[in-house]
PDB file of N, CA and C in Angstrom:
ATOM      1  N   MET A   1     -54.746 -18.048  -8.124  1.00  0.00           N
ATOM      2  CA  MET A   1     -55.497 -19.049  -7.674  1.00  0.00           C
ATOM      3  C   MET A   1     -54.200 -20.239  -7.259  1.00  0.00           C
ATOM      4  N   LEU A   2     -54.194 -21.011  -6.193  1.00  0.00           N
ATOM      5  CA  LEU A   2     -53.060 -21.545  -5.836  1.00  0.00           C
ATOM      6  C   LEU A   2     -53.157 -23.245  -6.782  1.00  0.00           C
ATOM      7  N   ASP A   3     -52.423 -23.541  -7.090  1.00  0.00           N
ATOM      8  CA  ASP A   3     -52.169 -24.857  -8.070  1.00  0.00           C
ATOM      9  C   ASP A   3     -52.577 -26.015  -6.882  1.00  0.00           C
ATOM     10  N   LYS A   4     -52.717 -27.408  -7.342  1.00  0.00           N
ATOM     11  CA  LYS A   4     -52.686 -28.304  -6.382  1.00  0.00           C
ATOM     12  C   LYS A   4     -51.410 -28.919  -6.129  1.00  0.00           C
ATOM     13  N   ASN A   5     -50.453 -28.877  -6.312  1.00  0.00           N
ATOM     14  CA  ASN A   5     -49.094 -29.148  -5.867  1.00  0.00           C
ATOM     15  C   ASN A   5     -48.772 -28.508  -5.073  1.00  0.00           C
ATOM     16  N   LEU A   6     -49.348 -27.121  -4.813  1.00  0.00           N
ATOM     17  CA  LEU A   6     -48.716 -25.920  -4.110  1.00  0.00           C
ATOM     18  C   LEU A   6     -49.846 -26.462  -3.050  1.00  0.00           C
ATOM     19  N   LEU A   7     -50.906 -26.890  -3.229  1.00  0.00           N
ATOM     20  CA  LEU A   7     -52.074 -27.105  -1.586  1.00  0.00           C
ATOM     21  C   LEU A   7     -51.674 -28.522  -1.380  1.00  0.00           C
ATOM     22  N   ASP A   8     -50.879 -29.656  -2.108  1.00  0.00           N
ATOM     23  CA  ASP A   8     -50.482 -30.653  -1.597  1.00  0.00           C
ATOM     24  C   ASP A   8     -48.863 -30.177  -1.022  1.00  0.00           C
ATOM     25  N   LYS A   9     -48.330 -29.275  -0.902  1.00  0.00           N
ATOM     26  CA  LYS A   9     -46.656 -29.110  -0.159  1.00  0.00           C
ATOM     27  C   LYS A   9     -47.358 -28.500   1.100  1.00  0.00           C
ATOM     28  N   LEU A  10     -48.260 -27.577   1.003  1.00  0.00           N
ATOM     29  CA  LEU A  10     -48.980 -26.867   2.370  1.00  0.00           C
ATOM     30  C   LEU A  10     -49.292 -27.974   3.179  1.00  0.00           C
ATOM     31  N   GLU A  11     -50.436 -28.699   2.691  1.00  0.00           N
ATOM     32  CA  GLU A  11     -50.556 -30.083   3.952  1.00  0.00           C
ATOM     33  C   GLU A  11     -49.855 -30.614   3.747  1.00  0.00           C
ATOM     34  N   ASN A  12     -48.897 -31.140   3.435  1.00  0.00           N
ATOM     35  CA  ASN A  12     -47.774 -32.002   3.837  1.00  0.00           C
ATOM     36  C   ASN A  12     -47.067 -31.228   5.003  1.00  0.00           C
ATOM     37  N   LEU A  13     -46.917 -29.406   4.641  1.00  0.00           N
ATOM     38  CA  LEU A  13     -46.384 -28.634   5.707  1.00  0.00           C
ATOM     39  C   LEU A  13     -46.758 -28.835   7.157  1.00  0.00           C
ATOM     40  N   LYS A  14     -48.269 -28.742   7.075  1.00  0.00           N
ATOM     41  CA  LYS A  14     -49.103 -28.941   7.802  1.00  0.00           C
ATOM     42  C   LYS A  14     -48.757 -30.220   8.460  1.00  0.00           C
ATOM     43  N   ARG A  15     -48.891 -31.224   7.860  1.00  0.00           N
ATOM     44  CA  ARG A  15     -48.792 -32.612   8.801  1.00  0.00           C
ATOM     45  C   ARG A  15     -47.455 -33.244   9.350  1.00  0.00           C
ATOM     46  N   GLN A  16     -46.562 -32.405   8.718  1.00  0.00           N
ATOM     47  CA  GLN A  16     -45.000 -32.604   9.199  1.00  0.00           C
ATOM     48  C   GLN A  16     -44.840 -31.632  10.583  1.00  0.00           C
ATOM     49  N   SER A  17     -45.460 -30.825  10.643  1.00  0.00           N
ATOM     50  CA  SER A  17     -45.271 -29.691  11.822  1.00  0.00           C
ATOM     51  C   SER A  17     -45.948 -30.475  13.337  1.00  0.00           C
ATOM     52  N   GLU A  18     -47.304 -31.306  12.472  1.00  0.00           N
ATOM     53  CA  GLU A  18     -48.100 -31.539  14.008  1.00  0.00           C
ATOM     54  C   GLU A  18     -47.949 -32.896  14.305  1.00  0.00           C
ATOM     55  N   ALA A  19     -46.701 -33.564  13.449  1.00  0.00           N
ATOM     56  CA  ALA A  19     -45.964 -34.801  13.868  1.00  0.00           C
ATOM     57  C   ALA A  19     -44.778 -34.458  14.579  1.00  0.00           C
ATOM     58  N   SER A  20     -44.310 -33.069  14.463  1.00  0.00           N
ATOM     59  CA  SER A  20     -42.948 -33.025  14.875  1.00  0.00           C
ATOM     60  C   SER A  20     -43.360 -31.986  16.378  1.00  0.00           C
ATOM     61  N   LYS A  21     -44.429 -31.381  16.339  1.00  0.00           N
ATOM     62  CA  LYS A  21     -44.948 -31.402  18.030  1.00  0.00           C
ATOM     63  C   LYS A  21     -45.616 -32.315  18.805  1.00  0.00           C
ATOM     64  N   GLU A  22     -45.922 -33.771  18.067  1.00  0.00           N
ATOM     65  CA  GLU A  22     -46.419 -34.531  18.804  1.00  0.00           C
ATOM     66  C   GLU A  22     -44.984 -35.193  19.278  1.00  0.00           C
ATOM     67  N   ARG A  23     -44.254 -35.125  18.485  1.00  0.00           N
ATOM     68  CA  ARG A  23     -42.759 -35.598  19.017  1.00  0.00           C
ATOM     69  C   ARG A  23     -42.202 -35.198  19.911  1.00  0.00           C
ATOM     70  N   LEU A  24     -41.826 -33.696  19.987  1.00  0.00           N
ATOM     71  CA  LEU A  24     -41.081 -32.780  21.033  1.00  0.00           C
ATOM     72  C   LEU A  24     -42.073 -33.240  22.292  1.00  0.00           C
ATOM     73  N   ASP A  25     -43.477 -33.118  22.034  1.00  0.00           N
ATOM     74  CA  ASP A  25     -44.302 -33.113  23.498  1.00  0.00           C
ATOM     75  C   ASP A  25     -43.291 -34.705  24.361  1.00  0.00           C
ATOM     76  N   ASP A  26     -43.419 -35.749  23.491  1.00  0.00           N
ATOM     77  CA  ASP A  26     -43.231 -36.666  23.984  1.00  0.00           C
ATOM     78  C   ASP A  26     -41.556 -37.113  24.578  1.00  0.00           C
ATOM     79  N   ILE A  27     -40.735 -35.636  24.230  1.00  0.00           N
ATOM     80  CA  ILE A  27     -39.697 -36.015  24.654  1.00  0.00           C
ATOM     81  C   ILE A  27     -39.160 -35.082  25.976  1.00  0.00           C
ATOM     82  N   ILE A  28     -38.798 -35.670  27.365  1.00  0.00           N
ATOM     83  CA  ILE A  28     -38.941 -35.119  28.187  1.00  0.00           C
ATOM     84  C   ILE A  28     -36.873 -34.590  28.368  1.00  0.00           C
ATOM     85  N   ILE A  29     -36.591 -33.529  28.692  1.00  0.00           N
ATOM     86  CA  ILE A  29     -35.667 -32.677  28.893  1.00  0.00           C
ATOM     87  C   ILE A  29     -35.483 -33.130  31.101  1.00  0.00           C
ATOM     88  N   ASP A  30     -34.278 -33.669  31.455  1.00  0.00           N
ATOM     89  CA  ASP A  30     -34.388 -33.170  32.929  1.00  0.00           C
ATOM     90  C   ASP A  30     -33.001 -32.393  32.975  1.00  0.00           C
ATOM     91  N   GLU A  31     -32.847 -31.805  34.030  1.00  0.00           N
ATOM     92  CA  GLU A  31     -31.505 -30.495  33.900  1.00  0.00           C
ATOM     93  C   GLU A  31     -32.246 -30.738  35.776  1.00  0.00           C
ATOM     94  N   GLU A  32     -30.229 -30.142  36.423  1.00  0.00           N
ATOM     95  CA  GLU A  32     -30.338 -29.705  37.611  1.00  0.00           C
ATOM     96  C   GLU A  32     -29.255 -28.710  37.824  1.00  0.00           C
ATOM     97  N   SER A  33     -29.131 -28.459  39.142  1.00  0.00           N
ATOM     98  CA  SER A  33     -28.513 -27.540  39.518  1.00  0.00           C
ATOM     99  C   SER A  33     -28.057 -27.591  41.032  1.00  0.00           C
ATOM    100  N   GLY A  34     -26.997 -27.285  41.542  1.00  0.00           N
ATOM    101  CA  GLY A  34     -26.318 -27.330  42.724  1.00  0.00           C
ATOM    102  C   GLY A  34     -26.290 -28.797  43.199  1.00  0.00           C
ATOM    103  N   GLY A  35     -25.316 -29.277  42.385  1.00  0.00           N
ATOM    104  CA  GLY A  35     -25.049 -30.519  42.472  1.00  0.00           C
ATOM    105  C   GLY A  35     -26.503 -31.662  42.917  1.00  0.00           C
ATOM    106  N   GLY A  36     -27.419 -31.440  42.075  1.00  0.00           N
ATOM    107  CA  GLY A  36     -28.519 -32.067  42.404  1.00  0.00           C
ATOM    108  C   GLY A  36     -29.917 -31.846  43.028  1.00  0.00           C
ATOM    109  N   LEU A  37     -29.810 -30.795  43.841  1.00  0.00           N
ATOM    110  CA  LEU A  37     -30.511 -29.845  44.890  1.00  0.00           C
ATOM    111  C   LEU A  37     -31.770 -29.858  44.002  1.00  0.00           C
ATOM    112  N   ILE A  38     -31.408 -28.868  42.829  1.00  0.00           N
ATOM    113  CA  ILE A  38     -32.666 -28.397  42.051  1.00  0.00           C
ATOM    114  C   ILE A  38     -32.798 -29.450  40.706  1.00  0.00           C
ATOM    115  N   ARG A  39     -34.024 -29.887  40.489  1.00  0.00           N
ATOM    116  CA  ARG A  39     -33.825 -30.440  39.654  1.00  0.00           C
ATOM    117  C   ARG A  39     -35.437 -30.216  38.701  1.00  0.00           C
ATOM    118  N   VAL A  40     -35.406 -29.986  37.405  1.00  0.00           N
ATOM    119  CA  VAL A  40     -36.510 -29.620  36.426  1.00  0.00           C
ATOM    120  C   VAL A  40     -36.606 -30.527  35.755  1.00  0.00           C
ATOM    121  N   SER A  41     -38.040 -30.624  35.001  1.00  0.00           N
ATOM    122  CA  SER A  41     -38.543 -31.492  33.652  1.00  0.00           C
ATOM    123  C   SER A  41     -38.891 -30.583  32.821  1.00  0.00           C
ATOM    124  N   MET A  42     -39.285 -30.876  31.706  1.00  0.00           N
ATOM    125  CA  MET A  42     -39.220 -29.930  30.739  1.00  0.00           C
ATOM    126  C   MET A  42     -39.811 -30.834  29.392  1.00  0.00           C
ATOM    127  N   THR A  43     -40.745 -30.387  28.488  1.00  0.00           N
ATOM    128  CA  THR A  43     -41.074 -31.096  27.566  1.00  0.00           C
ATOM    129  C   THR A  43     -40.294 -30.671  26.451  1.00  0.00           C
ATOM    130  N   GLY A  44     -40.211 -31.332  25.209  1.00  0.00           N
ATOM    131  CA  GLY A  44     -40.041 -30.685  24.156  1.00  0.00           C
ATOM    132  C   GLY A  44     -40.042 -29.478  23.462  1.00  0.00           C
ATOM    133  N   ASN A  45     -41.684 -28.917  23.959  1.00  0.00           N
ATOM    134  CA  ASN A  45     -41.986 -27.985  23.434  1.00  0.00           C
ATOM    135  C   ASN A  45     -41.805 -27.219  24.632  1.00  0.00           C
ATOM    136  N   ARG A  46     -41.265 -27.052  25.349  1.00  0.00           N
ATOM    137  CA  ARG A  46     -41.050 -25.725  26.634  1.00  0.00           C
ATOM    138  C   ARG A  46     -42.233 -26.135  27.579  1.00  0.00           C
ATOM    139  N   ALA A  47     -42.724 -26.666  27.598  1.00  0.00           N
ATOM    140  CA  ALA A  47     -43.899 -27.311  29.014  1.00  0.00           C
ATOM    141  C   ALA A  47     -43.243 -27.741  30.264  1.00  0.00           C
ATOM    142  N   ILE A  48     -43.147 -27.329  30.939  1.00  0.00           N
ATOM    143  CA  ILE A  48     -42.580 -27.466  32.359  1.00  0.00           C
ATOM    144  C   ILE A  48     -43.649 -28.745  32.611  1.00  0.00           C
ATOM    145  N   LYS A  49     -43.024 -29.780  33.011  1.00  0.00           N
ATOM    146  CA  LYS A  49     -43.326 -30.845  33.591  1.00  0.00           C
ATOM    147  C   LYS A  49     -43.239 -31.452  35.233  1.00  0.00           C
ATOM    148  N   GLY A  50     -41.956 -31.038  35.695  1.00  0.00           N
ATOM    149  CA  GLY A  50     -41.815 -30.900  37.043  1.00  0.00           C
ATOM    150  C   GLY A  50     -40.305 -30.208  37.561  1.00  0.00           C
ATOM    151  N   PHE A  51     -40.504 -29.883  38.743  1.00  0.00           N
ATOM    152  CA  PHE A  51     -39.705 -28.676  39.326  1.00  0.00           C
ATOM    153  C   PHE A  51     -39.518 -29.659  41.100  1.00  0.00           C
ATOM    154  N   GLU A  52     -38.394 -29.628  41.222  1.00  0.00           N
ATOM    155  CA  GLU A  52     -38.354 -30.407  42.497  1.00  0.00           C
ATOM    156  C   GLU A  52     -37.104 -29.929  43.306  1.00  0.00           C
ATOM    157  N   ILE A  53     -37.363 -29.625  44.478  1.00  0.00           N
ATOM    158  CA  ILE A  53     -35.976 -29.351  45.516  1.00  0.00           C
ATOM    159  C   ILE A  53     -36.005 -30.701  46.049  1.00  0.00           C
ATOM    160  N   THR A  54     -34.621 -31.453  45.981  1.00  0.00           N
ATOM    161  CA  THR A  54     -34.247 -32.850  46.602  1.00  0.00           C
ATOM    162  C   THR A  54     -33.128 -32.806  47.824  1.00  0.00           C
ATOM    163  N   GLY A  55     -33.177 -31.469  48.827  1.00  0.00           N
ATOM    164  CA  GLY A  55     -32.799 -32.053  49.737  1.00  0.00           C
ATOM    165  C   GLY A  55     -32.956 -30.498  50.825  1.00  0.00           C
ATOM    166  N   ASP A  56     -32.237 -30.299  51.657  1.00  0.00           N
ATOM    167  CA  ASP A  56     -32.810 -29.206  52.472  1.00  0.00           C
ATOM    168  C   ASP A  56     -31.982 -27.504  52.154  1.00  0.00           C
ATOM    169  N   VAL A  57     -32.570 -26.596  51.825  1.00  0.00           N
ATOM    170  CA  VAL A  57     -32.451 -25.459  51.905  1.00  0.00           C
ATOM    171  C   VAL A  57     -32.393 -24.644  52.574  1.00  0.00           C
ATOM    172  N   THR A  58     -32.522 -25.067  53.736  1.00  0.00           N
ATOM    173  CA  THR A  58     -32.683 -23.932  54.852  1.00  0.00           C
ATOM    174  C   THR A  58     -31.233 -23.291  55.182  1.00  0.00           C
ATOM    175  N   GLN A  59     -30.183 -23.823  54.486  1.00  0.00           N
ATOM    176  CA  GLN A  59     -28.415 -23.416  54.601  1.00  0.00           C
ATOM    177  C   GLN A  59     -28.142 -22.576  53.665  1.00  0.00           C
ATOM    178  N   ILE A  60     -29.326 -22.204  52.510  1.00  0.00           N
ATOM    179  CA  ILE A  60     -28.686 -21.530  51.218  1.00  0.00           C
ATOM    180  C   ILE A  60     -29.568 -20.239  51.784  1.00  0.00           C
ATOM    181  N   ASP A  61     -29.156 -18.852  51.443  1.00  0.00           N
ATOM    182  CA  ASP A  61     -30.212 -17.678  51.584  1.00  0.00           C
ATOM    183  C   ASP A  61     -30.481 -17.665  50.112  1.00  0.00           C
ATOM    184  N   LYS A  62     -32.000 -16.940  49.936  1.00  0.00           N
ATOM    185  CA  LYS A  62     -32.610 -16.603  49.005  1.00  0.00           C
ATOM    186  C   LYS A  62     -32.149 -16.437  47.724  1.00  0.00           C
ATOM    187  N   GLU A  63     -31.310 -15.490  47.297  1.00  0.00           N
ATOM    188  CA  GLU A  63     -30.700 -14.964  46.291  1.00  0.00           C
ATOM    189  C   GLU A  63     -30.075 -16.460  45.750  1.00  0.00           C
ATOM    190  N   GLU A  64     -29.531 -16.991  46.620  1.00  0.00           N
ATOM    191  CA  GLU A  64     -28.799 -18.532  45.768  1.00  0.00           C
ATOM    192  C   GLU A  64     -29.625 -19.560  45.461  1.00  0.00           C
ATOM    193  N   LEU A  65     -30.689 -19.473  46.545  1.00  0.00           N
ATOM    194  CA  LEU A  65     -31.914 -20.871  45.901  1.00  0.00           C
ATOM    195  C   LEU A  65     -32.235 -20.117  44.734  1.00  0.00           C
ATOM    196  N   GLU A  66     -32.775 -18.812  44.348  1.00  0.00           N
ATOM    197  CA  GLU A  66     -33.699 -18.243  43.087  1.00  0.00           C
ATOM    198  C   GLU A  66     -31.885 -18.366  41.790  1.00  0.00           C
ATOM    199  N   GLU A  67     -30.807 -18.427  42.437  1.00  0.00           N
ATOM    200  CA  GLU A  67     -29.987 -18.399  41.270  1.00  0.00           C
ATOM    201  C   GLU A  67     -29.770 -20.041  40.686  1.00  0.00           C
ATOM    202  N   LEU A  68     -30.025 -20.967  41.804  1.00  0.00           N
ATOM    203  CA  LEU A  68     -29.966 -22.206  41.610  1.00  0.00           C
ATOM    204  C   LEU A  68     -31.183 -22.885  40.636  1.00  0.00           C
ATOM    205  N   ILE A  69     -32.416 -22.338  41.015  1.00  0.00           N
ATOM    206  CA  ILE A  69     -33.438 -22.340  40.128  1.00  0.00           C
ATOM    207  C   ILE A  69     -33.473 -21.934  38.935  1.00  0.00           C
ATOM    208  N   CYS A  70     -32.942 -20.386  38.635  1.00  0.00           N
ATOM    209  CA  CYS A  70     -32.494 -20.392  37.040  1.00  0.00           C
ATOM    210  C   CYS A  70     -31.460 -21.014  36.442  1.00  0.00           C
ATOM    211  N   VAL A  71     -30.505 -20.983  37.182  1.00  0.00           N
ATOM    212  CA  VAL A  71     -29.522 -22.116  36.292  1.00  0.00           C
ATOM    213  C   VAL A  71     -30.159 -23.272  35.840  1.00  0.00           C
ATOM    214  N   ALA A  72     -31.008 -24.186  36.500  1.00  0.00           N
ATOM    215  CA  ALA A  72     -31.770 -25.838  36.386  1.00  0.00           C
ATOM    216  C   ALA A  72     -32.607 -25.284  35.088  1.00  0.00           C
ATOM    217  N   PHE A  73     -33.648 -24.202  35.227  1.00  0.00           N
ATOM    218  CA  PHE A  73     -34.450 -23.798  34.476  1.00  0.00           C
ATOM    219  C   PHE A  73     -33.731 -23.306  33.008  1.00  0.00           C
ATOM    220  N   ASN A  74     -32.521 -22.809  32.978  1.00  0.00           N
ATOM    221  CA  ASN A  74     -31.817 -22.353  31.797  1.00  0.00           C
ATOM    222  C   ASN A  74     -31.317 -23.225  30.797  1.00  0.00           C
ATOM    223  N   ARG A  75     -30.816 -24.361  31.434  1.00  0.00           N
ATOM    224  CA  ARG A  75     -29.952 -25.709  31.240  1.00  0.00           C
ATOM    225  C   ARG A  75     -31.093 -26.430  30.398  1.00  0.00           C
ATOM    226  N   ALA A  76     -32.032 -26.577  31.029  1.00  0.00           N
ATOM    227  CA  ALA A  76     -33.120 -27.043  30.317  1.00  0.00           C
ATOM    228  C   ALA A  76     -33.753 -26.504  28.852  1.00  0.00           C
ATOM    229  N   LEU A  77     -34.006 -25.636  29.300  1.00  0.00           N
ATOM    230  CA  LEU A  77     -34.265 -24.902  28.179  1.00  0.00           C
ATOM    231  C   LEU A  77     -33.415 -24.547  26.801  1.00  0.00           C
ATOM    232  N   GLU A  78     -32.197 -24.465  27.241  1.00  0.00           N
ATOM    233  CA  GLU A  78     -31.064 -24.709  26.509  1.00  0.00           C
ATOM    234  C   GLU A  78     -31.194 -26.061  25.419  1.00  0.00           C
ATOM    235  N   LYS A  79     -30.810 -26.876  26.056  1.00  0.00           N
ATOM    236  CA  LYS A  79     -31.151 -28.341  25.288  1.00  0.00           C
ATOM    237  C   LYS A  79     -32.259 -28.686  24.692  1.00  0.00           C
ATOM    238  N   VAL A  80     -33.759 -27.888  25.300  1.00  0.00           N
ATOM    239  CA  VAL A  80     -34.852 -28.143  24.563  1.00  0.00           C
ATOM    240  C   VAL A  80     -34.601 -27.259  23.212  1.00  0.00           C
ATOM    241  N   ASN A  81     -34.221 -26.099  23.318  1.00  0.00           N
ATOM    242  CA  ASN A  81     -33.899 -25.080  22.115  1.00  0.00           C
ATOM    243  C   ASN A  81     -32.972 -25.596  20.929  1.00  0.00           C
ATOM    244  N   LYS A  82     -32.084 -26.332  21.600  1.00  0.00           N
ATOM    245  CA  LYS A  82     -31.571 -27.295  20.280  1.00  0.00           C
ATOM    246  C   LYS A  82     -31.927 -28.427  19.960  1.00  0.00           C
ATOM    247  N   MET A  83     -33.154 -28.905  20.706  1.00  0.00           N
ATOM    248  CA  MET A  83     -33.613 -30.023  20.051  1.00  0.00           C
ATOM    249  C   MET A  83     -34.357 -29.495  18.795  1.00  0.00           C
ATOM    250  N   ASN A  84     -35.068 -28.539  19.338  1.00  0.00           N
ATOM    251  CA  ASN A  84     -36.152 -27.962  18.445  1.00  0.00           C
ATOM    252  C   ASN A  84     -35.406 -27.453  17.340  1.00  0.00           C
ATOM    253  N   GLU A  85     -34.358 -26.430  17.141  1.00  0.00           N
ATOM    254  CA  GLU A  85     -33.694 -26.590  16.162  1.00  0.00           C
ATOM    255  C   GLU A  85     -33.124 -27.116  15.422  1.00  0.00           C
ATOM    256  N   LYS A  86     -32.682 -28.485  15.852  1.00  0.00           N
ATOM    257  CA  LYS A  86     -32.734 -29.781  14.631  1.00  0.00           C
ATOM    258  C   LYS A  86     -33.878 -30.032  14.311  1.00  0.00           C
ATOM    259  N   GLU A  87     -35.379 -30.313  14.848  1.00  0.00           N
ATOM    260  CA  GLU A  87     -36.603 -30.866  14.804  1.00  0.00           C
ATOM    261  C   GLU A  87     -36.749 -29.802  13.523  1.00  0.00           C
ATOM    262  N   VAL A  88     -36.630 -28.748  13.805  1.00  0.00           N
ATOM    263  CA  VAL A  88     -37.256 -27.637  12.418  1.00  0.00           C
ATOM    264  C   VAL A  88     -36.174 -27.963  11.276  1.00  0.00           C
ATOM    265  N   MET A  89     -34.838 -27.828  11.469  1.00  0.00           N
ATOM    266  CA  MET A  89     -33.954 -28.092  10.440  1.00  0.00           C
ATOM    267  C   MET A  89     -34.275 -29.690   9.512  1.00  0.00           C
ATOM    268  N   SER A  90     -34.659 -30.542  10.215  1.00  0.00           N
ATOM    269  CA  SER A  90     -35.057 -31.844   9.928  1.00  0.00           C
ATOM    270  C   SER A  90     -36.205 -31.745   9.033  1.00  0.00           C
ATOM    271  N   SER A  91     -37.321 -31.208   9.462  1.00  0.00           N
ATOM    272  CA  SER A  91     -38.483 -30.903   8.817  1.00  0.00           C
ATOM    273  C   SER A  91     -38.220 -30.169   7.689  1.00  0.00           C
ATOM    274  N   ALA A  92     -37.207 -28.773   7.411  1.00  0.00           N
ATOM    275  CA  ALA A  92     -37.164 -28.325   6.601  1.00  0.00           C
ATOM    276  C   ALA A  92     -36.574 -29.469   5.294  1.00  0.00           C
ATOM    277  N   GLN A  93     -35.665 -29.928   5.695  1.00  0.00           N
ATOM    278  CA  GLN A  93     -34.764 -30.469   5.024  1.00  0.00           C
ATOM    279  C   GLN A  93     -36.060 -31.363   3.845  1.00  0.00           C
ATOM    280  N   SER A  94     -36.273 -32.316   4.864  1.00  0.00           N
ATOM    281  CA  SER A  94     -37.355 -33.217   3.973  1.00  0.00           C
ATOM    282  C   SER A  94     -38.865 -32.401   3.205  1.00  0.00           C
ATOM    283  N   LEU A  95     -38.827 -31.502   3.710  1.00  0.00           N
ATOM    284  CA  LEU A  95     -39.982 -30.245   2.777  1.00  0.00           C
ATOM    285  C   LEU A  95     -39.191 -29.951   1.600  1.00  0.00           C
ATOM    286  N   PHE A  96     -37.900 -29.565   1.729  1.00  0.00           N
ATOM    287  CA  PHE A  96     -37.362 -28.816   0.639  1.00  0.00           C
ATOM    288  C   PHE A  96     -36.853 -30.079  -0.556  1.00  0.00           C
ATOM    289  N   SER A  97     -36.479 -31.247   0.384  1.00  0.00           N
ATOM    290  CA  SER A  97     -36.139 -31.859  -0.556  1.00  0.00           C
ATOM    291  C   SER A  97     -36.934 -32.987  -1.675  1.00  0.00           C
ATOM    292  N   GLY A  98     -38.174 -32.700  -1.250  1.00  0.00           N
ATOM    293  CA  GLY A  98     -39.421 -33.046  -2.073  1.00  0.00           C
ATOM    294  C   GLY A  98     -39.785 -32.144  -3.263  1.00  0.00           C
ATOM    295  N   MET A  99     -39.246 -30.979  -3.448  1.00  0.00           N
ATOM    296  CA  MET A  99     -39.213 -29.568  -4.039  1.00  0.00           C
ATOM    297  C   MET A  99     -38.720 -30.025  -5.455  1.00  0.00           C
TER     298      MET A  99
END
């Protein structure tokens, strides 16, 4: 049977996880490629909030446009992943400091 102390720690972990998710939902990362031609917005929880083509793409071939889109999304995702990693480390430190 689980002791009260362990149950309290598990409940605290659950609360921290929920709070972390809420914080990450409120953070928006904006990235671009092609000198601002392609813009992407993503939450800290990796949800796409926006995608924009800001100029004339008729002079760009299909493959180049696809590459610019991938670059913008990957840049945003890289920043979000780093942010998530820091959030997890922060939560883990606070959890283990209480043990």
